[in-house]
Amino acid sequence: MKKTFYEVTYIVNPVLEEAETKAEIDKINSFITRQGGEIDEVNEWGNRRLTYEMSGKQTGYFVNMYFTSPGELIVKLERMMQINENIVRYLTLKYDKKMLRHREMLKRGEVPNIFKVIDQDPEA
């Protein structure tokens, strides 16, 4: 079975207690691993202000996750998040070869600086 690399960012309802928020994150993590996925990294960005109000909320607890899984898992995962009233929003990205290469370069700290700063002499 072919596995693909994905990134998912989701927003947990900010009114939950800390333990409840952790339980929601653990529920999603365990769902992915039970379905044959392998979690690479989970970053909890914490409570952040939303650009615009969603579901009557002005803030949300942001979580960003990288994982490898079969494609069939994504449909199940997104359905689970859609019906979970504690998940305000989610976004799933499927990585292509360029995105994977960029991620590996980031991990190694080898991303090239493509915006070179040029000192301009006002006298010239």
PDB file of N, CA and C in Angstrom:
ATOM      1  N   MET A   1       0.841  -1.178   0.000  1.00  0.00           N
ATOM      2  CA  MET A   1       0.000   0.000   0.000  1.00  0.00           C
ATOM      3  C   MET A   1       0.888   1.244   0.000  1.00  0.00           C
ATOM      4  N   LYS A   2       0.650   2.134  -0.947  1.00  0.00           N
ATOM      5  CA  LYS A   2       1.456   3.339  -1.085  1.00  0.00           C
ATOM      6  C   LYS A   2       1.086   4.355  -0.012  1.00  0.00           C
ATOM      7  N   LYS A   3       2.099   4.922   0.620  1.00  0.00           N
ATOM      8  CA  LYS A   3       1.873   5.952   1.632  1.00  0.00           C
ATOM      9  C   LYS A   3       2.390   7.281   1.110  1.00  0.00           C
ATOM     10  N   THR A   4       1.684   8.334   1.449  1.00  0.00           N
ATOM     11  CA  THR A   4       2.013   9.676   1.006  1.00  0.00           C
ATOM     12  C   THR A   4       2.219  10.562   2.227  1.00  0.00           C
ATOM     13  N   PHE A   5       3.012  11.618   2.059  1.00  0.00           N
ATOM     14  CA  PHE A   5       3.291  12.547   3.150  1.00  0.00           C
ATOM     15  C   PHE A   5       2.250  13.663   3.134  1.00  0.00           C
ATOM     16  N   TYR A   6       1.699  13.968   4.320  1.00  0.00           N
ATOM     17  CA  TYR A   6       0.660  14.989   4.459  1.00  0.00           C
ATOM     18  C   TYR A   6       1.000  15.950   5.587  1.00  0.00           C
ATOM     19  N   GLU A   7       0.396  17.119   5.503  1.00  0.00           N
ATOM     20  CA  GLU A   7       0.426  18.101   6.587  1.00  0.00           C
ATOM     21  C   GLU A   7      -1.015  18.482   6.857  1.00  0.00           C
ATOM     22  N   VAL A   8      -1.406  18.475   8.104  1.00  0.00           N
ATOM     23  CA  VAL A   8      -2.751  18.919   8.465  1.00  0.00           C
ATOM     24  C   VAL A   8      -2.634  19.951   9.583  1.00  0.00           C
ATOM     25  N   THR A   9      -3.360  21.031   9.417  1.00  0.00           N
ATOM     26  CA  THR A   9      -3.451  22.060  10.441  1.00  0.00           C
ATOM     27  C   THR A   9      -4.908  22.148  10.843  1.00  0.00           C
ATOM     28  N   TYR A  10      -5.163  22.114  12.140  1.00  0.00           N
ATOM     29  CA  TYR A  10      -6.547  22.200  12.594  1.00  0.00           C
ATOM     30  C   TYR A  10      -6.637  23.106  13.809  1.00  0.00           C
ATOM     31  N   ILE A  11      -7.854  23.614  14.017  1.00  0.00           N
ATOM     32  CA  ILE A  11      -8.106  24.547  15.112  1.00  0.00           C
ATOM     33  C   ILE A  11      -9.090  23.893  16.071  1.00  0.00           C
ATOM     34  N   VAL A  12      -8.666  23.781  17.330  1.00  0.00           N
ATOM     35  CA  VAL A  12      -9.500  23.193  18.380  1.00  0.00           C
ATOM     36  C   VAL A  12     -10.254  24.326  19.078  1.00  0.00           C
ATOM     37  N   ASN A  13     -11.483  24.041  19.469  1.00  0.00           N
ATOM     38  CA  ASN A  13     -12.329  24.991  20.175  1.00  0.00           C
ATOM     39  C   ASN A  13     -11.573  25.569  21.377  1.00  0.00           C
ATOM     40  N   PRO A  14     -11.455  26.899  21.481  1.00  0.00           N
ATOM     41  CA  PRO A  14     -10.655  27.506  22.546  1.00  0.00           C
ATOM     42  C   PRO A  14     -11.296  27.461  23.927  1.00  0.00           C
ATOM     43  N   VAL A  15     -12.584  27.130  24.024  1.00  0.00           N
ATOM     44  CA  VAL A  15     -13.242  27.131  25.338  1.00  0.00           C
ATOM     45  C   VAL A  15     -12.982  25.841  26.112  1.00  0.00           C
ATOM     46  N   LEU A  16     -12.347  24.868  25.492  1.00  0.00           N
ATOM     47  CA  LEU A  16     -12.048  23.602  26.176  1.00  0.00           C
ATOM     48  C   LEU A  16     -10.970  23.809  27.230  1.00  0.00           C
ATOM     49  N   GLU A  17     -11.046  23.013  28.277  1.00  0.00           N
ATOM     50  CA  GLU A  17      -9.987  22.999  29.288  1.00  0.00           C
ATOM     51  C   GLU A  17      -8.733  22.400  28.666  1.00  0.00           C
ATOM     52  N   GLU A  18      -7.587  22.639  29.299  1.00  0.00           N
ATOM     53  CA  GLU A  18      -6.315  22.143  28.763  1.00  0.00           C
ATOM     54  C   GLU A  18      -6.331  20.620  28.581  1.00  0.00           C
ATOM     55  N   ALA A  19      -6.879  19.906  29.562  1.00  0.00           N
ATOM     56  CA  ALA A  19      -6.942  18.441  29.479  1.00  0.00           C
ATOM     57  C   ALA A  19      -7.838  17.990  28.330  1.00  0.00           C
ATOM     58  N   GLU A  20      -8.933  18.708  28.108  1.00  0.00           N
ATOM     59  CA  GLU A  20      -9.842  18.359  27.015  1.00  0.00           C
ATOM     60  C   GLU A  20      -9.195  18.621  25.656  1.00  0.00           C
ATOM     61  N   THR A  21      -8.438  19.708  25.562  1.00  0.00           N
ATOM     62  CA  THR A  21      -7.722  20.019  24.319  1.00  0.00           C
ATOM     63  C   THR A  21      -6.702  18.927  24.021  1.00  0.00           C
ATOM     64  N   LYS A  22      -5.939  18.523  25.038  1.00  0.00           N
ATOM     65  CA  LYS A  22      -4.952  17.447  24.867  1.00  0.00           C
ATOM     66  C   LYS A  22      -5.640  16.146  24.458  1.00  0.00           C
ATOM     67  N   ALA A  23      -6.816  15.887  25.010  1.00  0.00           N
ATOM     68  CA  ALA A  23      -7.563  14.670  24.668  1.00  0.00           C
ATOM     69  C   ALA A  23      -7.983  14.698  23.199  1.00  0.00           C
ATOM     70  N   GLU A  24      -8.395  15.853  22.693  1.00  0.00           N
ATOM     71  CA  GLU A  24      -8.774  15.979  21.278  1.00  0.00           C
ATOM     72  C   GLU A  24      -7.567  15.736  20.374  1.00  0.00           C
ATOM     73  N   ILE A  25      -6.433  16.296  20.750  1.00  0.00           N
ATOM     74  CA  ILE A  25      -5.201  16.107  19.965  1.00  0.00           C
ATOM     75  C   ILE A  25      -4.800  14.639  19.985  1.00  0.00           C
ATOM     76  N   ASP A  26      -4.841  14.018  21.160  1.00  0.00           N
ATOM     77  CA  ASP A  26      -4.505  12.594  21.278  1.00  0.00           C
ATOM     78  C   ASP A  26      -5.462  11.726  20.474  1.00  0.00           C
ATOM     79  N   LYS A  27      -6.742  12.104  20.442  1.00  0.00           N
ATOM     80  CA  LYS A  27      -7.745  11.352  19.687  1.00  0.00           C
ATOM     81  C   LYS A  27      -7.398  11.347  18.193  1.00  0.00           C
ATOM     82  N   ILE A  28      -7.002  12.500  17.679  1.00  0.00           N
ATOM     83  CA  ILE A  28      -6.641  12.602  16.257  1.00  0.00           C
ATOM     84  C   ILE A  28      -5.348  11.842  15.983  1.00  0.00           C
ATOM     85  N   ASN A  29      -4.355  11.992  16.861  1.00  0.00           N
ATOM     86  CA  ASN A  29      -3.087  11.277  16.685  1.00  0.00           C
ATOM     87  C   ASN A  29      -3.292   9.761  16.689  1.00  0.00           C
ATOM     88  N   SER A  30      -4.070   9.275  17.640  1.00  0.00           N
ATOM     89  CA  SER A  30      -4.277   7.830  17.730  1.00  0.00           C
ATOM     90  C   SER A  30      -5.118   7.324  16.556  1.00  0.00           C
ATOM     91  N   PHE A  31      -6.054   8.133  16.069  1.00  0.00           N
ATOM     92  CA  PHE A  31      -6.840   7.749  14.896  1.00  0.00           C
ATOM     93  C   PHE A  31      -5.924   7.516  13.694  1.00  0.00           C
ATOM     94  N   ILE A  32      -4.977   8.421  13.502  1.00  0.00           N
ATOM     95  CA  ILE A  32      -4.048   8.301  12.374  1.00  0.00           C
ATOM     96  C   ILE A  32      -3.188   7.044  12.512  1.00  0.00           C
ATOM     97  N   THR A  33      -2.646   6.799  13.677  1.00  0.00           N
ATOM     98  CA  THR A  33      -1.777   5.625  13.859  1.00  0.00           C
ATOM     99  C   THR A  33      -2.560   4.321  13.777  1.00  0.00           C
ATOM    100  N   ARG A  34      -3.796   4.298  14.293  1.00  0.00           N
ATOM    101  CA  ARG A  34      -4.630   3.084  14.193  1.00  0.00           C
ATOM    102  C   ARG A  34      -4.985   2.747  12.747  1.00  0.00           C
ATOM    103  N   GLN A  35      -5.086   3.763  11.906  1.00  0.00           N
ATOM    104  CA  GLN A  35      -5.459   3.559  10.513  1.00  0.00           C
ATOM    105  C   GLN A  35      -4.246   3.310   9.611  1.00  0.00           C
ATOM    106  N   GLY A  36      -3.068   3.113  10.199  1.00  0.00           N
ATOM    107  CA  GLY A  36      -1.873   2.794   9.411  1.00  0.00           C
ATOM    108  C   GLY A  36      -0.989   3.976   9.080  1.00  0.00           C
ATOM    109  N   GLY A  37      -1.262   5.129   9.671  1.00  0.00           N
ATOM    110  CA  GLY A  37      -0.434   6.308   9.447  1.00  0.00           C
ATOM    111  C   GLY A  37       0.734   6.359  10.422  1.00  0.00           C
ATOM    112  N   GLU A  38       1.757   7.112  10.039  1.00  0.00           N
ATOM    113  CA  GLU A  38       2.933   7.299  10.893  1.00  0.00           C
ATOM    114  C   GLU A  38       3.142   8.794  11.089  1.00  0.00           C
ATOM    115  N   ILE A  39       3.025   9.243  12.328  1.00  0.00           N
ATOM    116  CA  ILE A  39       3.166  10.668  12.641  1.00  0.00           C
ATOM    117  C   ILE A  39       4.638  11.024  12.695  1.00  0.00           C
ATOM    118  N   ASP A  40       5.003  12.070  11.954  1.00  0.00           N
ATOM    119  CA  ASP A  40       6.387  12.549  11.908  1.00  0.00           C
ATOM    120  C   ASP A  40       6.627  13.643  12.943  1.00  0.00           C
ATOM    121  N   GLU A  41       5.675  14.572  13.049  1.00  0.00           N
ATOM    122  CA  GLU A  41       5.866  15.714  13.937  1.00  0.00           C
ATOM    123  C   GLU A  41       4.513  16.345  14.257  1.00  0.00           C
ATOM    124  N   VAL A  42       4.338  16.777  15.506  1.00  0.00           N
ATOM    125  CA  VAL A  42       3.132  17.491  15.926  1.00  0.00           C
ATOM    126  C   VAL A  42       3.583  18.774  16.617  1.00  0.00           C
ATOM    127  N   ASN A  43       3.108  19.900  16.100  1.00  0.00           N
ATOM    128  CA  ASN A  43       3.434  21.200  16.686  1.00  0.00           C
ATOM    129  C   ASN A  43       2.165  21.851  17.195  1.00  0.00           C
ATOM    130  N   GLU A  44       2.141  22.132  18.482  1.00  0.00           N
ATOM    131  CA  GLU A  44       1.005  22.837  19.063  1.00  0.00           C
ATOM    132  C   GLU A  44       1.367  24.313  19.112  1.00  0.00           C
ATOM    133  N   TRP A  45       0.681  25.110  18.312  1.00  0.00           N
ATOM    134  CA  TRP A  45       0.955  26.544  18.250  1.00  0.00           C
ATOM    135  C   TRP A  45       0.235  27.298  19.347  1.00  0.00           C
ATOM    136  N   GLY A  46      -0.714  26.657  19.990  1.00  0.00           N
ATOM    137  CA  GLY A  46      -1.425  27.278  21.102  1.00  0.00           C
ATOM    138  C   GLY A  46      -2.571  28.173  20.653  1.00  0.00           C
ATOM    139  N   ASN A  47      -3.110  28.936  21.620  1.00  0.00           N
ATOM    140  CA  ASN A  47      -4.231  29.836  21.333  1.00  0.00           C
ATOM    141  C   ASN A  47      -3.752  31.025  20.521  1.00  0.00           C
ATOM    142  N   ARG A  48      -4.462  31.280  19.428  1.00  0.00           N
ATOM    143  CA  ARG A  48      -4.155  32.412  18.561  1.00  0.00           C
ATOM    144  C   ARG A  48      -5.463  33.086  18.150  1.00  0.00           C
ATOM    145  N   ARG A  49      -5.333  34.343  17.876  1.00  0.00           N
ATOM    146  CA  ARG A  49      -6.488  35.114  17.407  1.00  0.00           C
ATOM    147  C   ARG A  49      -6.769  34.753  15.951  1.00  0.00           C
ATOM    148  N   LEU A  50      -8.039  34.568  15.632  1.00  0.00           N
ATOM    149  CA  LEU A  50      -8.446  34.264  14.262  1.00  0.00           C
ATOM    150  C   LEU A  50      -8.564  35.553  13.461  1.00  0.00           C
ATOM    151  N   THR A  51      -8.311  35.466  12.172  1.00  0.00           N
ATOM    152  CA  THR A  51      -8.429  36.635  11.301  1.00  0.00           C
ATOM    153  C   THR A  51      -9.866  37.123  11.258  1.00  0.00           C
ATOM    154  N   TYR A  52     -10.786  36.182  11.236  1.00  0.00           N
ATOM    155  CA  TYR A  52     -12.205  36.520  11.281  1.00  0.00           C
ATOM    156  C   TYR A  52     -12.914  35.492  12.153  1.00  0.00           C
ATOM    157  N   GLU A  53     -14.060  35.871  12.644  1.00  0.00           N
ATOM    158  CA  GLU A  53     -14.805  35.014  13.558  1.00  0.00           C
ATOM    159  C   GLU A  53     -15.287  33.748  12.844  1.00  0.00           C
ATOM    160  N   MET A  54     -15.078  32.598  13.497  1.00  0.00           N
ATOM    161  CA  MET A  54     -15.540  31.311  12.961  1.00  0.00           C
ATOM    162  C   MET A  54     -16.344  30.605  14.031  1.00  0.00           C
ATOM    163  N   SER A  55     -17.513  30.189  13.688  1.00  0.00           N
ATOM    164  CA  SER A  55     -18.406  29.483  14.619  1.00  0.00           C
ATOM    165  C   SER A  55     -18.574  30.258  15.922  1.00  0.00           C
ATOM    166  N   GLY A  56     -18.614  31.575  15.822  1.00  0.00           N
ATOM    167  CA  GLY A  56     -18.792  32.418  16.989  1.00  0.00           C
ATOM    168  C   GLY A  56     -17.550  32.570  17.852  1.00  0.00           C
ATOM    169  N   LYS A  57     -16.412  32.101  17.374  1.00  0.00           N
ATOM    170  CA  LYS A  57     -15.157  32.155  18.140  1.00  0.00           C
ATOM    171  C   LYS A  57     -14.205  33.177  17.517  1.00  0.00           C
ATOM    172  N   GLN A  58     -13.454  33.880  18.361  1.00  0.00           N
ATOM    173  CA  GLN A  58     -12.464  34.836  17.887  1.00  0.00           C
ATOM    174  C   GLN A  58     -11.043  34.318  18.056  1.00  0.00           C
ATOM    175  N   THR A  59     -10.887  33.239  18.821  1.00  0.00           N
ATOM    176  CA  THR A  59      -9.582  32.606  18.997  1.00  0.00           C
ATOM    177  C   THR A  59      -9.749  31.111  18.800  1.00  0.00           C
ATOM    178  N   GLY A  60      -8.618  30.432  18.691  1.00  0.00           N
ATOM    179  CA  GLY A  60      -8.636  28.986  18.556  1.00  0.00           C
ATOM    180  C   GLY A  60      -7.285  28.410  18.935  1.00  0.00           C
ATOM    181  N   TYR A  61      -7.261  27.146  19.286  1.00  0.00           N
ATOM    182  CA  TYR A  61      -6.026  26.452  19.639  1.00  0.00           C
ATOM    183  C   TYR A  61      -5.530  25.742  18.381  1.00  0.00           C
ATOM    184  N   PHE A  62      -4.416  26.220  17.826  1.00  0.00           N
ATOM    185  CA  PHE A  62      -3.897  25.716  16.557  1.00  0.00           C
ATOM    186  C   PHE A  62      -2.941  24.543  16.758  1.00  0.00           C
ATOM    187  N   VAL A  63      -3.102  23.521  15.914  1.00  0.00           N
ATOM    188  CA  VAL A  63      -2.228  22.347  15.932  1.00  0.00           C
ATOM    189  C   VAL A  63      -1.822  22.062  14.489  1.00  0.00           C
ATOM    190  N   ASN A  64      -0.519  21.823  14.279  1.00  0.00           N
ATOM    191  CA  ASN A  64       0.017  21.508  12.955  1.00  0.00           C
ATOM    192  C   ASN A  64       0.709  20.156  13.050  1.00  0.00           C
ATOM    193  N   MET A  65       0.393  19.263  12.105  1.00  0.00           N
ATOM    194  CA  MET A  65       0.916  17.895  12.168  1.00  0.00           C
ATOM    195  C   MET A  65       1.427  17.445  10.801  1.00  0.00           C
ATOM    196  N   TYR A  66       2.530  16.699  10.810  1.00  0.00           N
ATOM    197  CA  TYR A  66       3.082  16.087   9.601  1.00  0.00           C
ATOM    198  C   TYR A  66       3.017  14.577   9.788  1.00  0.00           C
ATOM    199  N   PHE A  67       2.551  13.861   8.750  1.00  0.00           N
ATOM    200  CA  PHE A  67       2.444  12.414   8.872  1.00  0.00           C
ATOM    201  C   PHE A  67       2.442  11.760   7.493  1.00  0.00           C
ATOM    202  N   THR A  68       2.701  10.458   7.504  1.00  0.00           N
ATOM    203  CA  THR A  68       2.664   9.635   6.306  1.00  0.00           C
ATOM    204  C   THR A  68       1.510   8.657   6.468  1.00  0.00           C
ATOM    205  N   SER A  69       0.726   8.489   5.401  1.00  0.00           N
ATOM    206  CA  SER A  69      -0.396   7.562   5.491  1.00  0.00           C
ATOM    207  C   SER A  69      -0.892   7.174   4.107  1.00  0.00           C
ATOM    208  N   PRO A  70      -1.697   6.103   4.046  1.00  0.00           N
ATOM    209  CA  PRO A  70      -2.369   5.775   2.788  1.00  0.00           C
ATOM    210  C   PRO A  70      -3.409   6.860   2.480  1.00  0.00           C
ATOM    211  N   GLY A  71      -3.689   7.074   1.207  1.00  0.00           N
ATOM    212  CA  GLY A  71      -4.627   8.114   0.796  1.00  0.00           C
ATOM    213  C   GLY A  71      -6.030   7.941   1.342  1.00  0.00           C
ATOM    214  N   GLU A  72      -6.456   6.686   1.554  1.00  0.00           N
ATOM    215  CA  GLU A  72      -7.810   6.433   2.043  1.00  0.00           C
ATOM    216  C   GLU A  72      -8.029   7.019   3.439  1.00  0.00           C
ATOM    217  N   LEU A  73      -6.950   7.150   4.193  1.00  0.00           N
ATOM    218  CA  LEU A  73      -7.066   7.669   5.555  1.00  0.00           C
ATOM    219  C   LEU A  73      -7.533   9.117   5.569  1.00  0.00           C
ATOM    220  N   ILE A  74      -7.156   9.896   4.578  1.00  0.00           N
ATOM    221  CA  ILE A  74      -7.464  11.325   4.575  1.00  0.00           C
ATOM    222  C   ILE A  74      -8.971  11.566   4.558  1.00  0.00           C
ATOM    223  N   VAL A  75      -9.688  10.810   3.749  1.00  0.00           N
ATOM    224  CA  VAL A  75     -11.150  10.956   3.694  1.00  0.00           C
ATOM    225  C   VAL A  75     -11.749  10.671   5.063  1.00  0.00           C
ATOM    226  N   LYS A  76     -11.288   9.619   5.725  1.00  0.00           N
ATOM    227  CA  LYS A  76     -11.795   9.253   7.053  1.00  0.00           C
ATOM    228  C   LYS A  76     -11.438  10.312   8.091  1.00  0.00           C
ATOM    229  N   LEU A  77     -10.188  10.802   8.030  1.00  0.00           N
ATOM    230  CA  LEU A  77      -9.723  11.810   8.982  1.00  0.00           C
ATOM    231  C   LEU A  77     -10.523  13.102   8.834  1.00  0.00           C
ATOM    232  N   GLU A  78     -10.700  13.554   7.600  1.00  0.00           N
ATOM    233  CA  GLU A  78     -11.440  14.789   7.384  1.00  0.00           C
ATOM    234  C   GLU A  78     -12.906  14.640   7.796  1.00  0.00           C
ATOM    235  N   ARG A  79     -13.483  13.473   7.576  1.00  0.00           N
ATOM    236  CA  ARG A  79     -14.867  13.230   8.013  1.00  0.00           C
ATOM    237  C   ARG A  79     -14.954  13.274   9.538  1.00  0.00           C
ATOM    238  N   MET A  80     -13.965  12.671  10.211  1.00  0.00           N
ATOM    239  CA  MET A  80     -13.937  12.680  11.669  1.00  0.00           C
ATOM    240  C   MET A  80     -13.852  14.116  12.192  1.00  0.00           C
ATOM    241  N   MET A  81     -13.000  14.934  11.562  1.00  0.00           N
ATOM    242  CA  MET A  81     -12.848  16.325  11.995  1.00  0.00           C
ATOM    243  C   MET A  81     -14.109  17.138  11.689  1.00  0.00           C
ATOM    244  N   GLN A  82     -14.747  16.830  10.579  1.00  0.00           N
ATOM    245  CA  GLN A  82     -15.938  17.560  10.175  1.00  0.00           C
ATOM    246  C   GLN A  82     -17.097  17.365  11.164  1.00  0.00           C
ATOM    247  N   ILE A  83     -17.251  16.162  11.673  1.00  0.00           N
ATOM    248  CA  ILE A  83     -18.365  15.905  12.589  1.00  0.00           C
ATOM    249  C   ILE A  83     -18.017  16.164  14.052  1.00  0.00           C
ATOM    250  N   ASN A  84     -16.732  16.418  14.336  1.00  0.00           N
ATOM    251  CA  ASN A  84     -16.299  16.706  15.702  1.00  0.00           C
ATOM    252  C   ASN A  84     -16.569  18.180  16.009  1.00  0.00           C
ATOM    253  N   GLU A  85     -17.471  18.443  16.935  1.00  0.00           N
ATOM    254  CA  GLU A  85     -17.842  19.832  17.234  1.00  0.00           C
ATOM    255  C   GLU A  85     -16.730  20.605  17.943  1.00  0.00           C
ATOM    256  N   ASN A  86     -15.688  19.924  18.403  1.00  0.00           N
ATOM    257  CA  ASN A  86     -14.564  20.612  19.043  1.00  0.00           C
ATOM    258  C   ASN A  86     -13.481  21.040  18.048  1.00  0.00           C
ATOM    259  N   ILE A  87     -13.595  20.634  16.797  1.00  0.00           N
ATOM    260  CA  ILE A  87     -12.674  21.074  15.756  1.00  0.00           C
ATOM    261  C   ILE A  87     -13.372  22.175  14.967  1.00  0.00           C
ATOM    262  N   VAL A  88     -12.808  23.387  15.031  1.00  0.00           N
ATOM    263  CA  VAL A  88     -13.430  24.545  14.397  1.00  0.00           C
ATOM    264  C   VAL A  88     -13.182  24.527  12.884  1.00  0.00           C
ATOM    265  N   ARG A  89     -11.933  24.297  12.470  1.00  0.00           N
ATOM    266  CA  ARG A  89     -11.549  24.232  11.056  1.00  0.00           C
ATOM    267  C   ARG A  89     -10.347  23.307  10.914  1.00  0.00           C
ATOM    268  N   TYR A  90     -10.112  22.857   9.660  1.00  0.00           N
ATOM    269  CA  TYR A  90      -8.942  22.039   9.365  1.00  0.00           C
ATOM    270  C   TYR A  90      -8.540  22.257   7.914  1.00  0.00           C
ATOM    271  N   LEU A  91      -7.281  21.997   7.624  1.00  0.00           N
ATOM    272  CA  LEU A  91      -6.764  22.082   6.264  1.00  0.00           C
ATOM    273  C   LEU A  91      -5.730  20.985   6.098  1.00  0.00           C
ATOM    274  N   THR A  92      -5.886  20.158   5.067  1.00  0.00           N
ATOM    275  CA  THR A  92      -4.963  19.063   4.792  1.00  0.00           C
ATOM    276  C   THR A  92      -4.222  19.341   3.505  1.00  0.00           C
ATOM    277  N   LEU A  93      -2.898  19.186   3.533  1.00  0.00           N
ATOM    278  CA  LEU A  93      -2.064  19.354   2.347  1.00  0.00           C
ATOM    279  C   LEU A  93      -1.365  18.047   2.020  1.00  0.00           C
ATOM    280  N   LYS A  94      -1.368  17.680   0.752  1.00  0.00           N
ATOM    281  CA  LYS A  94      -0.634  16.514   0.280  1.00  0.00           C
ATOM    282  C   LYS A  94       0.685  17.024  -0.294  1.00  0.00           C
ATOM    283  N   TYR A  95       1.797  16.509   0.202  1.00  0.00           N
ATOM    284  CA  TYR A  95       3.110  16.971  -0.232  1.00  0.00           C
ATOM    285  C   TYR A  95       3.525  16.300  -1.530  1.00  0.00           C
ATOM    286  N   ASP A  96       4.046  17.108  -2.452  1.00  0.00           N
ATOM    287  CA  ASP A  96       4.646  16.559  -3.658  1.00  0.00           C
ATOM    288  C   ASP A  96       6.164  16.493  -3.450  1.00  0.00           C
ATOM    289  N   LYS A  97       6.901  16.100  -4.473  1.00  0.00           N
ATOM    290  CA  LYS A  97       8.351  15.919  -4.321  1.00  0.00           C
ATOM    291  C   LYS A  97       9.068  17.216  -3.954  1.00  0.00           C
ATOM    292  N   LYS A  98       8.659  18.335  -4.544  1.00  0.00           N
ATOM    293  CA  LYS A  98       9.298  19.614  -4.229  1.00  0.00           C
ATOM    294  C   LYS A  98       9.073  20.005  -2.778  1.00  0.00           C
ATOM    295  N   MET A  99       7.846  19.827  -2.305  1.00  0.00           N
ATOM    296  CA  MET A  99       7.530  20.175  -0.925  1.00  0.00           C
ATOM    297  C   MET A  99       8.309  19.293   0.052  1.00  0.00           C
ATOM    298  N   LEU A 100       8.436  18.002  -0.282  1.00  0.00           N
ATOM    299  CA  LEU A 100       9.214  17.096   0.567  1.00  0.00           C
ATOM    300  C   LEU A 100      10.682  17.502   0.604  1.00  0.00           C
ATOM    301  N   ARG A 101      11.221  17.868  -0.558  1.00  0.00           N
ATOM    302  CA  ARG A 101      12.623  18.292  -0.627  1.00  0.00           C
ATOM    303  C   ARG A 101      12.826  19.551   0.216  1.00  0.00           C
ATOM    304  N   HIS A 102      11.905  20.500   0.110  1.00  0.00           N
ATOM    305  CA  HIS A 102      12.000  21.727   0.894  1.00  0.00           C
ATOM    306  C   HIS A 102      11.924  21.419   2.394  1.00  0.00           C
ATOM    307  N   ARG A 103      11.036  20.527   2.790  1.00  0.00           N
ATOM    308  CA  ARG A 103      10.914  20.153   4.208  1.00  0.00           C
ATOM    309  C   ARG A 103      12.205  19.532   4.729  1.00  0.00           C
ATOM    310  N   GLU A 104      12.813  18.657   3.934  1.00  0.00           N
ATOM    311  CA  GLU A 104      14.081  18.039   4.340  1.00  0.00           C
ATOM    312  C   GLU A 104      15.187  19.088   4.472  1.00  0.00           C
ATOM    313  N   MET A 105      15.201  20.058   3.551  1.00  0.00           N
ATOM    314  CA  MET A 105      16.199  21.135   3.635  1.00  0.00           C
ATOM    315  C   MET A 105      15.977  21.983   4.882  1.00  0.00           C
ATOM    316  N   LEU A 106      14.723  22.243   5.217  1.00  0.00           N
ATOM    317  CA  LEU A 106      14.414  22.998   6.440  1.00  0.00           C
ATOM    318  C   LEU A 106      14.916  22.263   7.677  1.00  0.00           C
ATOM    319  N   LYS A 107      14.692  20.963   7.716  1.00  0.00           N
ATOM    320  CA  LYS A 107      15.130  20.168   8.864  1.00  0.00           C
ATOM    321  C   LYS A 107      16.649  20.228   9.034  1.00  0.00           C
ATOM    322  N   ARG A 108      17.363  20.236   7.911  1.00  0.00           N
ATOM    323  CA  ARG A 108      18.832  20.284   7.955  1.00  0.00           C
ATOM    324  C   ARG A 108      19.372  21.705   8.044  1.00  0.00           C
ATOM    325  N   GLY A 109      18.496  22.710   7.931  1.00  0.00           N
ATOM    326  CA  GLY A 109      18.934  24.105   7.981  1.00  0.00           C
ATOM    327  C   GLY A 109      19.668  24.532   6.722  1.00  0.00           C
ATOM    328  N   GLU A 110      19.307  23.968   5.594  1.00  0.00           N
ATOM    329  CA  GLU A 110      20.009  24.232   4.343  1.00  0.00           C
ATOM    330  C   GLU A 110      19.171  24.982   3.319  1.00  0.00           C
ATOM    331  N   VAL A 111      18.132  25.668   3.749  1.00  0.00           N
ATOM    332  CA  VAL A 111      17.296  26.396   2.802  1.00  0.00           C
ATOM    333  C   VAL A 111      18.076  27.612   2.306  1.00  0.00           C
ATOM    334  N   PRO A 112      18.235  27.760   0.981  1.00  0.00           N
ATOM    335  CA  PRO A 112      19.016  28.880   0.462  1.00  0.00           C
ATOM    336  C   PRO A 112      18.274  30.208   0.631  1.00  0.00           C
ATOM    337  N   ASN A 113      19.031  31.260   0.833  1.00  0.00           N
ATOM    338  CA  ASN A 113      18.462  32.597   0.935  1.00  0.00           C
ATOM    339  C   ASN A 113      18.358  33.156  -0.482  1.00  0.00           C
ATOM    340  N   ILE A 114      17.144  33.209  -1.015  1.00  0.00           N
ATOM    341  CA  ILE A 114      16.988  33.638  -2.404  1.00  0.00           C
ATOM    342  C   ILE A 114      16.833  35.143  -2.538  1.00  0.00           C
ATOM    343  N   PHE A 115      16.655  35.828  -1.419  1.00  0.00           N
ATOM    344  CA  PHE A 115      16.517  37.275  -1.455  1.00  0.00           C
ATOM    345  C   PHE A 115      17.807  37.906  -0.935  1.00  0.00           C
ATOM    346  N   LYS A 116      18.688  38.200  -1.842  1.00  0.00           N
ATOM    347  CA  LYS A 116      19.971  38.768  -1.480  1.00  0.00           C
ATOM    348  C   LYS A 116      19.799  40.266  -1.207  1.00  0.00           C
ATOM    349  N   VAL A 117      20.327  40.734  -0.080  1.00  0.00           N
ATOM    350  CA  VAL A 117      20.252  42.145   0.269  1.00  0.00           C
ATOM    351  C   VAL A 117      21.439  42.847  -0.380  1.00  0.00           C
ATOM    352  N   ILE A 118      21.138  43.861  -1.146  1.00  0.00           N
ATOM    353  CA  ILE A 118      22.192  44.610  -1.836  1.00  0.00           C
ATOM    354  C   ILE A 118      22.263  45.986  -1.193  1.00  0.00           C
ATOM    355  N   ASP A 119      23.459  46.324  -0.713  1.00  0.00           N
ATOM    356  CA  ASP A 119      23.654  47.684  -0.152  1.00  0.00           C
ATOM    357  C   ASP A 119      23.709  48.653  -1.305  1.00  0.00           C
ATOM    358  N   GLN A 120      22.858  49.658  -1.245  1.00  0.00           N
ATOM    359  CA  GLN A 120      22.856  50.654  -2.299  1.00  0.00           C
ATOM    360  C   GLN A 120      23.479  51.933  -1.744  1.00  0.00           C
ATOM    361  N   ASP A 121      24.464  52.430  -2.459  1.00  0.00           N
ATOM    362  CA  ASP A 121      25.139  53.652  -2.064  1.00  0.00           C
ATOM    363  C   ASP A 121      24.332  54.826  -2.604  1.00  0.00           C
ATOM    364  N   PRO A 122      23.820  55.704  -1.704  1.00  0.00           N
ATOM    365  CA  PRO A 122      23.026  56.820  -2.185  1.00  0.00           C
ATOM    366  C   PRO A 122      23.827  57.800  -3.038  1.00  0.00           C
ATOM    367  N   GLU A 123      25.161  57.751  -2.922  1.00  0.00           N
ATOM    368  CA  GLU A 123      26.032  58.648  -3.695  1.00  0.00           C
ATOM    369  C   GLU A 123      26.151  58.171  -5.137  1.00  0.00           C
ATOM    370  N   ALA A 124      25.901  56.893  -5.398  1.00  0.00           N
ATOM    371  CA  ALA A 124      26.111  56.362  -6.744  1.00  0.00           C
ATOM    372  C   ALA A 124      25.051  56.752  -7.722  1.00  0.00           C
TER     373      ALA A 124
END
